[in-house]
Amino acid sequence: AEDECKVIVVKEIISRLNEMASRECRNGEFVTLFYAILDVEDKTITYCNCGHEPTMLIRNGQIMELEKGGIVLGVDTQAKYEIETVELKEGDCLLFYTDGLVDAVNFDGELWGRERMLTSAQKFAADSAEQMIKNMLGYRRRFVGLARQLDDTSIVVVKVV
């Protein structure tokens, strides 16, 4: 019953945000969003992915993409979105990030990309959240060197204890 309440809350919030984005966005504009409720008591995450990079759940070295949701916000006021609740276990690691992380390019025009991001996430998943972020960004920095980046990068790591 508590999970159902969270699903209803997330659906309502996404619906309202989509309506607002549909009013505010000009033609060709849209908003990506990964919205989540982390319940530390129940150890669950209830989420909806609206065209955003999927959050990664790393459990025992395996990666699961949290990708349930729907299209970007601001395009279709009637869009339907899926909401999912996932049980979290001790030792799980959640990696929230923006596309600036994977879209970083080196001087040869080569993307750091998803595979390198996933490899580094797995490699450092046992570290503290702070150390994992520092190590991943360090790996990416070595790859891109001093090449100017066009997009900002945001990363949030949550460790389940």
N, C-alpha and C. Protein backbone atom coordinates (compact mmCIF):
# COMPACT_ATOMS: atom_id res chain seq x y z
N ALA A 1 0.84 -1.20 0.00
CA ALA A 1 0.00 0.00 0.00
C ALA A 1 0.88 1.26 0.00
N GLU A 2 1.99 1.22 0.76
CA GLU A 2 2.88 2.37 0.79
C GLU A 2 3.55 2.59 -0.57
N ASP A 3 3.93 1.47 -1.23
CA ASP A 3 4.52 1.58 -2.57
C ASP A 3 3.52 2.18 -3.55
N GLU A 4 2.24 1.78 -3.42
CA GLU A 4 1.20 2.32 -4.30
C GLU A 4 1.07 3.82 -4.13
N CYS A 5 1.17 4.30 -2.88
CA CYS A 5 1.10 5.75 -2.62
C CYS A 5 2.24 6.48 -3.32
N LYS A 6 3.44 5.91 -3.24
CA LYS A 6 4.61 6.54 -3.89
C LYS A 6 4.40 6.59 -5.40
N VAL A 7 3.87 5.50 -5.97
CA VAL A 7 3.61 5.45 -7.41
C VAL A 7 2.61 6.54 -7.80
N ILE A 8 1.55 6.70 -7.03
CA ILE A 8 0.54 7.72 -7.31
C ILE A 8 1.15 9.11 -7.23
N VAL A 9 1.98 9.35 -6.21
CA VAL A 9 2.64 10.65 -6.05
C VAL A 9 3.55 10.94 -7.25
N VAL A 10 4.37 9.97 -7.63
CA VAL A 10 5.29 10.16 -8.76
C VAL A 10 4.50 10.42 -10.05
N LYS A 11 3.42 9.64 -10.28
CA LYS A 11 2.60 9.84 -11.49
C LYS A 11 2.03 11.25 -11.54
N GLU A 12 1.53 11.73 -10.41
CA GLU A 12 0.93 13.07 -10.34
C GLU A 12 1.99 14.14 -10.60
N ILE A 13 3.15 14.00 -9.99
CA ILE A 13 4.22 14.99 -10.18
C ILE A 13 4.67 15.02 -11.64
N ILE A 14 4.88 13.85 -12.22
CA ILE A 14 5.32 13.78 -13.63
C ILE A 14 4.26 14.39 -14.54
N SER A 15 3.00 14.07 -14.28
CA SER A 15 1.91 14.60 -15.10
C SER A 15 1.89 16.13 -15.05
N ARG A 16 2.01 16.68 -13.85
CA ARG A 16 2.00 18.15 -13.70
C ARG A 16 3.23 18.79 -14.36
N LEU A 17 4.39 18.17 -14.18
CA LEU A 17 5.60 18.71 -14.81
C LEU A 17 5.49 18.66 -16.33
N ASN A 18 4.92 17.59 -16.86
CA ASN A 18 4.75 17.46 -18.31
C ASN A 18 3.80 18.52 -18.84
N GLU A 19 2.70 18.75 -18.13
CA GLU A 19 1.76 19.80 -18.55
C GLU A 19 2.44 21.16 -18.55
N MET A 20 3.19 21.45 -17.49
CA MET A 20 3.88 22.74 -17.38
C MET A 20 4.93 22.87 -18.50
N ALA A 21 5.71 21.81 -18.72
CA ALA A 21 6.73 21.86 -19.77
C ALA A 21 6.08 22.03 -21.14
N SER A 22 4.93 21.40 -21.35
CA SER A 22 4.23 21.52 -22.63
C SER A 22 3.77 22.95 -22.88
N ARG A 23 3.41 23.66 -21.81
CA ARG A 23 3.01 25.07 -21.94
C ARG A 23 4.22 25.97 -22.17
N GLU A 24 5.33 25.68 -21.48
CA GLU A 24 6.48 26.57 -21.47
C GLU A 24 7.48 26.35 -22.62
N CYS A 25 7.61 25.11 -23.06
CA CYS A 25 8.61 24.80 -24.10
C CYS A 25 8.15 25.29 -25.46
N ARG A 26 9.08 25.93 -26.16
CA ARG A 26 8.80 26.34 -27.54
C ARG A 26 8.99 25.13 -28.44
N ASN A 27 8.61 25.30 -29.70
CA ASN A 27 8.73 24.22 -30.67
C ASN A 27 10.17 23.69 -30.72
N GLY A 28 10.35 22.40 -30.58
CA GLY A 28 11.68 21.79 -30.61
C GLY A 28 12.36 21.73 -29.26
N GLU A 29 11.77 22.37 -28.25
CA GLU A 29 12.33 22.32 -26.90
C GLU A 29 11.64 21.21 -26.11
N PHE A 30 12.37 20.67 -25.13
CA PHE A 30 11.81 19.62 -24.27
C PHE A 30 12.66 19.54 -23.01
N VAL A 31 12.22 18.74 -22.06
CA VAL A 31 12.92 18.57 -20.80
C VAL A 31 13.11 17.08 -20.55
N THR A 32 14.35 16.68 -20.21
CA THR A 32 14.55 15.31 -19.76
C THR A 32 14.57 15.33 -18.24
N LEU A 33 14.13 14.23 -17.63
CA LEU A 33 14.04 14.19 -16.18
C LEU A 33 14.11 12.75 -15.71
N PHE A 34 14.87 12.53 -14.66
CA PHE A 34 14.81 11.26 -13.93
C PHE A 34 14.33 11.65 -12.54
N TYR A 35 13.11 11.23 -12.20
CA TYR A 35 12.51 11.59 -10.92
C TYR A 35 12.45 10.34 -10.05
N ALA A 36 12.89 10.45 -8.81
CA ALA A 36 12.91 9.28 -7.93
C ALA A 36 12.59 9.65 -6.50
N ILE A 37 11.94 8.71 -5.83
CA ILE A 37 11.75 8.79 -4.39
C ILE A 37 12.56 7.65 -3.80
N LEU A 38 13.57 8.00 -3.01
CA LEU A 38 14.37 7.00 -2.31
C LEU A 38 13.81 6.86 -0.90
N ASP A 39 13.36 5.67 -0.56
CA ASP A 39 12.83 5.41 0.78
C ASP A 39 13.90 4.65 1.57
N VAL A 40 14.55 5.36 2.48
CA VAL A 40 15.65 4.75 3.22
C VAL A 40 15.15 3.74 4.27
N GLU A 41 13.92 3.90 4.71
CA GLU A 41 13.35 2.93 5.67
C GLU A 41 13.05 1.61 4.99
N ASP A 42 12.31 1.68 3.88
CA ASP A 42 11.91 0.47 3.14
C ASP A 42 13.00 -0.05 2.22
N LYS A 43 14.04 0.76 2.02
CA LYS A 43 15.10 0.45 1.05
C LYS A 43 14.50 0.18 -0.33
N THR A 44 13.79 1.20 -0.85
CA THR A 44 13.23 1.12 -2.20
C THR A 44 13.51 2.42 -2.94
N ILE A 45 13.46 2.32 -4.26
CA ILE A 45 13.48 3.51 -5.12
C ILE A 45 12.27 3.39 -6.03
N THR A 46 11.44 4.43 -6.02
CA THR A 46 10.29 4.51 -6.92
C THR A 46 10.62 5.63 -7.88
N TYR A 47 10.61 5.33 -9.18
CA TYR A 47 11.14 6.30 -10.14
C TYR A 47 10.36 6.32 -11.45
N CYS A 48 10.63 7.37 -12.23
CA CYS A 48 10.13 7.51 -13.59
C CYS A 48 11.22 8.21 -14.40
N ASN A 49 11.57 7.63 -15.53
CA ASN A 49 12.59 8.20 -16.40
C ASN A 49 11.91 8.82 -17.62
N CYS A 50 11.99 10.13 -17.72
CA CYS A 50 11.37 10.87 -18.83
C CYS A 50 12.44 11.28 -19.84
N GLY A 51 12.89 10.31 -20.63
CA GLY A 51 13.86 10.58 -21.68
C GLY A 51 15.25 10.96 -21.21
N HIS A 52 15.57 10.68 -19.96
CA HIS A 52 16.87 11.03 -19.38
C HIS A 52 17.80 9.82 -19.45
N GLU A 53 19.08 10.07 -19.20
CA GLU A 53 20.01 8.95 -19.07
C GLU A 53 19.49 8.06 -17.93
N PRO A 54 19.46 6.75 -18.12
CA PRO A 54 18.94 5.89 -17.04
C PRO A 54 19.89 5.85 -15.85
N THR A 55 19.32 5.87 -14.65
CA THR A 55 20.13 5.67 -13.46
C THR A 55 20.59 4.22 -13.48
N MET A 56 21.83 3.99 -13.03
CA MET A 56 22.38 2.64 -12.99
C MET A 56 22.32 2.10 -11.57
N LEU A 57 21.79 0.90 -11.44
CA LEU A 57 21.82 0.19 -10.17
C LEU A 57 22.90 -0.87 -10.30
N ILE A 58 23.94 -0.73 -9.49
CA ILE A 58 25.04 -1.70 -9.52
C ILE A 58 24.90 -2.59 -8.29
N ARG A 59 24.71 -3.90 -8.56
CA ARG A 59 24.52 -4.87 -7.48
C ARG A 59 25.43 -6.08 -7.77
N ASN A 60 26.31 -6.34 -6.84
CA ASN A 60 27.23 -7.48 -6.98
C ASN A 60 27.95 -7.48 -8.34
N GLY A 61 28.39 -6.30 -8.76
CA GLY A 61 29.14 -6.19 -10.02
C GLY A 61 28.28 -6.17 -11.27
N GLN A 62 26.98 -6.40 -11.12
CA GLN A 62 26.06 -6.39 -12.28
C GLN A 62 25.37 -5.03 -12.35
N ILE A 63 25.11 -4.57 -13.59
CA ILE A 63 24.45 -3.28 -13.77
C ILE A 63 23.05 -3.46 -14.31
N MET A 64 22.11 -2.80 -13.65
CA MET A 64 20.73 -2.79 -14.12
C MET A 64 20.37 -1.34 -14.40
N GLU A 65 19.81 -1.08 -15.59
CA GLU A 65 19.41 0.28 -15.94
C GLU A 65 18.00 0.54 -15.45
N LEU A 66 17.80 1.65 -14.77
CA LEU A 66 16.46 2.04 -14.34
C LEU A 66 15.91 2.94 -15.45
N GLU A 67 15.18 2.32 -16.37
CA GLU A 67 14.76 3.04 -17.57
C GLU A 67 13.26 3.12 -17.77
N LYS A 68 12.47 2.57 -16.84
CA LYS A 68 11.01 2.65 -16.98
C LYS A 68 10.58 4.11 -16.93
N GLY A 69 9.64 4.48 -17.77
CA GLY A 69 9.17 5.86 -17.79
C GLY A 69 8.43 6.16 -19.06
N GLY A 70 8.99 7.09 -19.84
CA GLY A 70 8.34 7.48 -21.08
C GLY A 70 9.15 8.54 -21.80
N ILE A 71 8.46 9.29 -22.66
CA ILE A 71 9.14 10.29 -23.49
C ILE A 71 9.52 11.52 -22.68
N VAL A 72 10.32 12.36 -23.29
CA VAL A 72 10.73 13.62 -22.68
C VAL A 72 9.49 14.45 -22.33
N LEU A 73 9.64 15.37 -21.39
CA LEU A 73 8.54 16.25 -20.99
C LEU A 73 8.42 17.43 -21.97
N GLY A 74 7.20 17.88 -22.16
CA GLY A 74 6.98 19.08 -22.96
C GLY A 74 6.61 18.85 -24.40
N VAL A 75 6.44 17.58 -24.80
CA VAL A 75 6.17 17.26 -26.19
C VAL A 75 4.70 16.86 -26.40
N ASP A 76 4.16 16.10 -25.45
CA ASP A 76 2.80 15.56 -25.58
C ASP A 76 2.11 15.60 -24.22
N THR A 77 1.09 16.44 -24.10
CA THR A 77 0.38 16.57 -22.82
C THR A 77 -0.33 15.27 -22.42
N GLN A 78 -0.59 14.40 -23.39
CA GLN A 78 -1.30 13.14 -23.11
C GLN A 78 -0.34 11.96 -22.92
N ALA A 79 0.94 12.23 -22.87
CA ALA A 79 1.94 11.15 -22.74
C ALA A 79 1.68 10.33 -21.48
N LYS A 80 1.88 9.04 -21.59
CA LYS A 80 1.73 8.12 -20.45
C LYS A 80 3.12 7.71 -20.00
N TYR A 81 3.27 7.59 -18.67
CA TYR A 81 4.57 7.25 -18.10
C TYR A 81 4.44 6.05 -17.18
N GLU A 82 5.42 5.14 -17.27
CA GLU A 82 5.49 3.99 -16.38
C GLU A 82 6.28 4.38 -15.14
N ILE A 83 5.84 3.88 -14.01
CA ILE A 83 6.55 4.11 -12.74
C ILE A 83 6.97 2.74 -12.24
N GLU A 84 8.17 2.64 -11.71
CA GLU A 84 8.65 1.36 -11.18
C GLU A 84 9.20 1.54 -9.78
N THR A 85 8.96 0.55 -8.93
CA THR A 85 9.56 0.51 -7.60
C THR A 85 10.52 -0.67 -7.57
N VAL A 86 11.75 -0.41 -7.15
CA VAL A 86 12.77 -1.45 -7.08
C VAL A 86 13.25 -1.56 -5.63
N GLU A 87 13.31 -2.79 -5.14
CA GLU A 87 13.86 -3.01 -3.80
C GLU A 87 15.37 -2.88 -3.87
N LEU A 88 15.92 -2.21 -2.88
CA LEU A 88 17.36 -2.04 -2.80
C LEU A 88 17.91 -2.97 -1.72
N LYS A 89 19.14 -3.41 -1.93
CA LYS A 89 19.78 -4.32 -0.98
C LYS A 89 21.07 -3.70 -0.48
N GLU A 90 21.48 -4.14 0.68
CA GLU A 90 22.74 -3.66 1.25
C GLU A 90 23.86 -3.91 0.23
N GLY A 91 24.68 -2.89 0.03
CA GLY A 91 25.78 -3.00 -0.92
C GLY A 91 25.44 -2.46 -2.30
N ASP A 92 24.15 -2.19 -2.56
CA ASP A 92 23.76 -1.62 -3.85
C ASP A 92 24.35 -0.22 -4.01
N CYS A 93 24.55 0.14 -5.26
CA CYS A 93 25.08 1.45 -5.59
C CYS A 93 24.20 2.03 -6.70
N LEU A 94 23.70 3.24 -6.51
CA LEU A 94 22.91 3.94 -7.53
C LEU A 94 23.76 5.04 -8.12
N LEU A 95 23.83 5.09 -9.45
CA LEU A 95 24.59 6.12 -10.16
C LEU A 95 23.63 6.93 -11.01
N PHE A 96 23.40 8.18 -10.59
CA PHE A 96 22.59 9.14 -11.34
C PHE A 96 23.57 10.04 -12.08
N TYR A 97 23.30 10.33 -13.36
CA TYR A 97 24.25 11.16 -14.11
C TYR A 97 23.56 11.84 -15.29
N THR A 98 24.19 12.89 -15.78
CA THR A 98 23.69 13.57 -16.98
C THR A 98 24.51 13.13 -18.18
N ASP A 99 24.00 13.42 -19.36
CA ASP A 99 24.67 12.98 -20.59
C ASP A 99 26.03 13.62 -20.79
N GLY A 100 26.32 14.72 -20.09
CA GLY A 100 27.65 15.32 -20.18
C GLY A 100 28.74 14.37 -19.74
N LEU A 101 28.40 13.41 -18.88
CA LEU A 101 29.39 12.42 -18.43
C LEU A 101 29.83 11.53 -19.58
N VAL A 102 28.87 11.00 -20.33
CA VAL A 102 29.21 10.06 -21.41
C VAL A 102 29.56 10.76 -22.72
N ASP A 103 29.10 12.00 -22.89
CA ASP A 103 29.33 12.72 -24.15
C ASP A 103 30.65 13.48 -24.20
N ALA A 104 31.49 13.32 -23.17
CA ALA A 104 32.79 13.99 -23.17
C ALA A 104 33.63 13.46 -24.33
N VAL A 105 34.36 14.37 -25.00
CA VAL A 105 35.14 14.01 -26.19
C VAL A 105 36.61 14.38 -26.01
N ASN A 106 37.49 13.53 -26.56
CA ASN A 106 38.92 13.86 -26.52
C ASN A 106 39.31 14.66 -27.77
N PHE A 107 40.60 14.96 -27.92
CA PHE A 107 41.05 15.79 -29.04
C PHE A 107 40.84 15.12 -30.39
N ASP A 108 40.71 13.78 -30.42
CA ASP A 108 40.47 13.07 -31.68
C ASP A 108 38.99 13.02 -32.02
N GLY A 109 38.14 13.64 -31.18
CA GLY A 109 36.70 13.63 -31.43
C GLY A 109 36.04 12.34 -30.98
N GLU A 110 36.77 11.53 -30.21
CA GLU A 110 36.24 10.25 -29.75
C GLU A 110 35.48 10.45 -28.43
N LEU A 111 34.28 9.88 -28.36
CA LEU A 111 33.46 9.98 -27.15
C LEU A 111 34.03 9.11 -26.03
N TRP A 112 33.94 9.61 -24.80
CA TRP A 112 34.26 8.75 -23.65
C TRP A 112 33.26 7.63 -23.63
N GLY A 113 32.00 7.95 -23.80
CA GLY A 113 30.96 6.96 -24.08
C GLY A 113 30.46 6.14 -22.90
N ARG A 114 29.42 5.43 -23.21
CA ARG A 114 28.71 4.62 -22.24
C ARG A 114 29.52 3.44 -21.73
N GLU A 115 30.22 2.77 -22.62
CA GLU A 115 30.98 1.57 -22.21
C GLU A 115 32.08 1.93 -21.21
N ARG A 116 32.80 3.00 -21.49
CA ARG A 116 33.85 3.43 -20.56
C ARG A 116 33.23 3.86 -19.22
N MET A 117 32.08 4.55 -19.31
CA MET A 117 31.40 4.98 -18.08
C MET A 117 30.99 3.76 -17.26
N LEU A 118 30.39 2.76 -17.91
CA LEU A 118 29.94 1.55 -17.20
C LEU A 118 31.12 0.77 -16.62
N THR A 119 32.20 0.67 -17.39
CA THR A 119 33.39 -0.03 -16.92
C THR A 119 33.96 0.64 -15.68
N SER A 120 34.05 1.98 -15.72
CA SER A 120 34.61 2.68 -14.57
C SER A 120 33.65 2.61 -13.38
N ALA A 121 32.35 2.65 -13.63
CA ALA A 121 31.36 2.55 -12.54
C ALA A 121 31.50 1.20 -11.84
N GLN A 122 31.62 0.13 -12.62
CA GLN A 122 31.78 -1.21 -12.02
C GLN A 122 33.09 -1.30 -11.24
N LYS A 123 34.14 -0.74 -11.83
CA LYS A 123 35.47 -0.80 -11.21
C LYS A 123 35.50 -0.13 -9.84
N PHE A 124 34.77 0.99 -9.71
CA PHE A 124 34.84 1.77 -8.48
C PHE A 124 33.61 1.64 -7.59
N ALA A 125 32.69 0.74 -7.91
CA ALA A 125 31.44 0.61 -7.16
C ALA A 125 31.64 0.23 -5.70
N ALA A 126 32.74 -0.40 -5.37
CA ALA A 126 32.99 -0.80 -3.97
C ALA A 126 33.52 0.37 -3.13
N ASP A 127 33.97 1.45 -3.79
CA ASP A 127 34.49 2.62 -3.07
C ASP A 127 33.35 3.38 -2.40
N SER A 128 33.70 4.34 -1.56
CA SER A 128 32.69 5.25 -1.00
C SER A 128 32.09 6.03 -2.16
N ALA A 129 30.90 6.61 -1.94
CA ALA A 129 30.25 7.39 -2.99
C ALA A 129 31.16 8.52 -3.47
N GLU A 130 31.75 9.25 -2.53
CA GLU A 130 32.62 10.37 -2.88
C GLU A 130 33.83 9.91 -3.69
N GLN A 131 34.45 8.81 -3.25
CA GLN A 131 35.64 8.30 -3.94
C GLN A 131 35.28 7.75 -5.32
N MET A 132 34.13 7.13 -5.43
CA MET A 132 33.68 6.60 -6.73
C MET A 132 33.55 7.73 -7.75
N ILE A 133 32.93 8.83 -7.34
CA ILE A 133 32.77 9.98 -8.24
C ILE A 133 34.14 10.53 -8.63
N LYS A 134 35.02 10.74 -7.65
CA LYS A 134 36.36 11.27 -7.94
C LYS A 134 37.11 10.36 -8.92
N ASN A 135 37.05 9.05 -8.68
CA ASN A 135 37.76 8.10 -9.55
C ASN A 135 37.19 8.08 -10.96
N MET A 136 35.86 8.09 -11.08
CA MET A 136 35.24 8.09 -12.41
C MET A 136 35.60 9.35 -13.17
N LEU A 137 35.52 10.50 -12.50
CA LEU A 137 35.86 11.75 -13.17
C LEU A 137 37.35 11.81 -13.52
N GLY A 138 38.19 11.22 -12.67
CA GLY A 138 39.62 11.15 -12.95
C GLY A 138 39.91 10.32 -14.20
N TYR A 139 39.24 9.18 -14.31
CA TYR A 139 39.38 8.33 -15.50
C TYR A 139 38.96 9.08 -16.75
N ARG A 140 37.81 9.77 -16.65
CA ARG A 140 37.32 10.51 -17.80
C ARG A 140 38.27 11.64 -18.16
N ARG A 141 38.78 12.34 -17.16
CA ARG A 141 39.71 13.45 -17.40
C ARG A 141 40.95 12.96 -18.14
N ARG A 142 41.47 11.80 -17.74
CA ARG A 142 42.64 11.24 -18.43
C ARG A 142 42.33 10.95 -19.89
N PHE A 143 41.11 10.51 -20.16
CA PHE A 143 40.70 10.18 -21.53
C PHE A 143 40.56 11.44 -22.38
N VAL A 144 39.87 12.46 -21.86
CA VAL A 144 39.59 13.64 -22.67
C VAL A 144 40.75 14.64 -22.67
N GLY A 145 41.63 14.53 -21.70
CA GLY A 145 42.75 15.47 -21.64
C GLY A 145 42.25 16.89 -21.43
N LEU A 146 42.81 17.82 -22.17
CA LEU A 146 42.44 19.22 -22.03
C LEU A 146 41.41 19.66 -23.06
N ALA A 147 40.83 18.70 -23.78
CA ALA A 147 39.83 19.04 -24.79
C ALA A 147 38.65 19.73 -24.11
N ARG A 148 38.21 20.83 -24.71
CA ARG A 148 37.09 21.61 -24.15
C ARG A 148 35.80 20.82 -24.28
N GLN A 149 35.03 20.76 -23.18
CA GLN A 149 33.76 20.03 -23.18
C GLN A 149 32.60 20.98 -23.41
N LEU A 150 31.62 20.50 -24.16
CA LEU A 150 30.49 21.35 -24.53
C LEU A 150 29.32 21.25 -23.55
N ASP A 151 29.29 20.19 -22.77
CA ASP A 151 28.14 19.95 -21.89
C ASP A 151 28.61 19.83 -20.45
N ASP A 152 27.74 20.25 -19.54
CA ASP A 152 28.08 20.11 -18.12
C ASP A 152 27.89 18.65 -17.70
N THR A 153 28.49 18.29 -16.58
CA THR A 153 28.42 16.93 -16.06
C THR A 153 27.92 16.97 -14.63
N SER A 154 26.89 16.18 -14.36
CA SER A 154 26.40 16.03 -12.99
C SER A 154 26.37 14.55 -12.66
N ILE A 155 26.86 14.22 -11.46
CA ILE A 155 26.86 12.83 -10.99
C ILE A 155 26.43 12.81 -9.53
N VAL A 156 25.55 11.87 -9.21
CA VAL A 156 25.19 11.61 -7.82
C VAL A 156 25.30 10.11 -7.61
N VAL A 157 26.02 9.70 -6.57
CA VAL A 157 26.14 8.29 -6.23
C VAL A 157 25.50 8.08 -4.87
N VAL A 158 24.66 7.05 -4.78
CA VAL A 158 24.01 6.69 -3.51
C VAL A 158 24.41 5.26 -3.18
N LYS A 159 24.96 5.06 -1.99
CA LYS A 159 25.34 3.73 -1.54
C LYS A 159 24.30 3.26 -0.51
N VAL A 160 23.86 2.00 -0.65
CA VAL A 160 22.87 1.44 0.26
C VAL A 160 23.60 0.64 1.33
N VAL A 161 23.36 1.02 2.59
CA VAL A 161 24.01 0.33 3.71
C VAL A 161 22.98 -0.28 4.63
